[in-house]
C-alpha atoms as a PDB file:
ATOM      1  CA  UNK A   1      32.964  17.558   0.543  1.00  0.00           C
ATOM      2  CA  UNK A   2      33.248  17.620   3.740  1.00  0.00           C
ATOM      3  CA  UNK A   3      32.143  15.678   7.051  1.00  0.00           C
ATOM      4  CA  UNK A   4      29.732  18.419   7.482  1.00  0.00           C
ATOM      5  CA  UNK A   5      27.780  18.334   4.111  1.00  0.00           C
ATOM      6  CA  UNK A   6      27.770  14.961   3.725  1.00  0.00           C
ATOM      7  CA  UNK A   7      25.766  14.990   7.144  1.00  0.00           C
ATOM      8  CA  UNK A   8      23.298  17.083   5.373  1.00  0.00           C
ATOM      9  CA  UNK A   9      23.163  14.990   2.185  1.00  0.00           C
ATOM     10  CA  UNK A  10      22.328  12.486   4.234  1.00  0.00           C
ATOM     11  CA  UNK A  11      19.556  14.099   6.195  1.00  0.00           C
ATOM     12  CA  UNK A  12      18.355  15.266   3.292  1.00  0.00           C
ATOM     13  CA  UNK A  13      18.103  11.413   1.874  1.00  0.00           C
ATOM     14  CA  UNK A  14      16.740   9.906   4.494  1.00  0.00           C
ATOM     15  CA  UNK A  15      13.986  12.641   4.692  1.00  0.00           C
ATOM     16  CA  UNK A  16      13.527  12.319   0.921  1.00  0.00           C
ATOM     17  CA  UNK A  17      12.830   8.317   2.085  1.00  0.00           C
ATOM     18  CA  UNK A  18      10.753   8.502   4.848  1.00  0.00           C
ATOM     19  CA  UNK A  19       8.365  10.939   2.723  1.00  0.00           C
ATOM     20  CA  UNK A  20       8.134   8.184  -0.410  1.00  0.00           C
ATOM     21  CA  UNK A  21       7.420   5.331   2.268  1.00  0.00           C
ATOM     22  CA  UNK A  22       4.578   7.183   3.582  1.00  0.00           C
ATOM     23  CA  UNK A  23       3.267   8.262   0.419  1.00  0.00           C
ATOM     24  CA  UNK A  24       3.468   4.378  -0.338  1.00  0.00           C
ATOM     25  CA  UNK A  25       1.995   3.323   2.918  1.00  0.00           C
ATOM     26  CA  UNK A  26      -0.931   5.155   1.967  1.00  0.00           C
ATOM     27  CA  UNK A  27      -1.402   3.870  -1.468  1.00  0.00           C
ATOM     28  CA  UNK A  28      -1.234   0.530   0.022  1.00  0.00           C
ATOM     29  CA  UNK A  29      -3.995   1.404   2.621  1.00  0.00           C
ATOM     30  CA  UNK A  30      -6.149   2.853   0.027  1.00  0.00           C
ATOM     31  CA  UNK A  31      -4.985  -0.487  -2.082  1.00  0.00           C
ATOM     32  CA  UNK A  32      -6.163  -2.827   0.325  1.00  0.00           C
ATOM     33  CA  UNK A  33      -9.502  -0.620   1.178  1.00  0.00           C
ATOM     34  CA  UNK A  34     -10.269  -1.206  -2.756  1.00  0.00           C
ATOM     35  CA  UNK A  35      -9.813  -5.021  -2.245  1.00  0.00           C
ATOM     36  CA  UNK A  36     -12.198  -4.941   0.870  1.00  0.00           C
ATOM     37  CA  UNK A  37     -10.402  -5.082   4.084  1.00  0.00           C
ATOM     38  CA  UNK A  38     -11.790  -3.022   6.515  1.00  0.00           C
ATOM     39  CA  UNK A  39     -10.528  -0.527   8.743  1.00  0.00           C
ATOM     40  CA  UNK A  40     -10.705  -2.538  11.239  1.00  0.00           C
ATOM     41  CA  UNK A  41      -8.121  -5.535   9.660  1.00  0.00           C
ATOM     42  CA  UNK A  42      -5.751  -2.657   8.698  1.00  0.00           C
ATOM     43  CA  UNK A  43      -5.843  -1.191  11.777  1.00  0.00           C
ATOM     44  CA  UNK A  44      -4.684  -4.540  13.449  1.00  0.00           C
ATOM     45  CA  UNK A  45      -2.506  -5.345  10.702  1.00  0.00           C
ATOM     46  CA  UNK A  46      -0.430  -1.884  11.450  1.00  0.00           C
ATOM     47  CA  UNK A  47      -0.466  -2.039  15.357  1.00  0.00           C
ATOM     48  CA  UNK A  48      -2.737   1.046  15.326  1.00  0.00           C
ATOM     49  CA  UNK A  49      -6.973   2.181  15.865  1.00  0.00           C
ATOM     50  CA  UNK A  50      -9.134   2.319  12.825  1.00  0.00           C
ATOM     51  CA  UNK A  51      -9.700   5.713  13.307  1.00  0.00           C
ATOM     52  CA  UNK A  52      -6.053   6.467  12.115  1.00  0.00           C
ATOM     53  CA  UNK A  53      -6.558   4.744   9.615  1.00  0.00           C
ATOM     54  CA  UNK A  54      -9.432   6.079   8.685  1.00  0.00           C
ATOM     55  CA  UNK A  55      -7.968   9.863   8.999  1.00  0.00           C
ATOM     56  CA  UNK A  56      -5.088   8.870   6.790  1.00  0.00           C
ATOM     57  CA  UNK A  57      -7.399   8.795   3.358  1.00  0.00           C
ATOM     58  CA  UNK A  58      -9.951  12.057   5.108  1.00  0.00           C
ATOM     59  CA  UNK A  59     -12.896  13.080   2.991  1.00  0.00           C
ATOM     60  CA  UNK A  60     -12.073  10.360   0.035  1.00  0.00           C
ATOM     61  CA  UNK A  61     -14.745   8.353  -1.769  1.00  0.00           C
ATOM     62  CA  UNK A  62     -13.406   4.903  -2.399  1.00  0.00           C
ATOM     63  CA  UNK A  63     -14.848   2.362  -4.101  1.00  0.00           C
ATOM     64  CA  UNK A  64     -14.119  -1.352  -4.065  1.00  0.00           C
ATOM     65  CA  UNK A  65     -12.328  -2.590  -7.112  1.00  0.00           C
ATOM     66  CA  UNK A  66     -15.719  -4.891  -7.985  1.00  0.00           C
ATOM     67  CA  UNK A  67     -18.085  -1.306  -7.877  1.00  0.00           C
ATOM     68  CA  UNK A  68     -19.343   0.332 -10.394  1.00  0.00           C
ATOM     69  CA  UNK A  69     -20.471   4.105 -11.008  1.00  0.00           C
END
């Protein structure tokens, strides 16, 4: 494999890793919301505004762990 090919596969791997980390981040935020954390608390921990937290899971009805149907 040439140096050029190595750079392309390395870049692809980096993009795949970034995508997976994004999924993990969203799942962790979902878990925190279900556990009862507020958007303000999550935003403060991430250093972002609560509105950005809201947009990450926009349009989704999320029940807390202790809620029933």
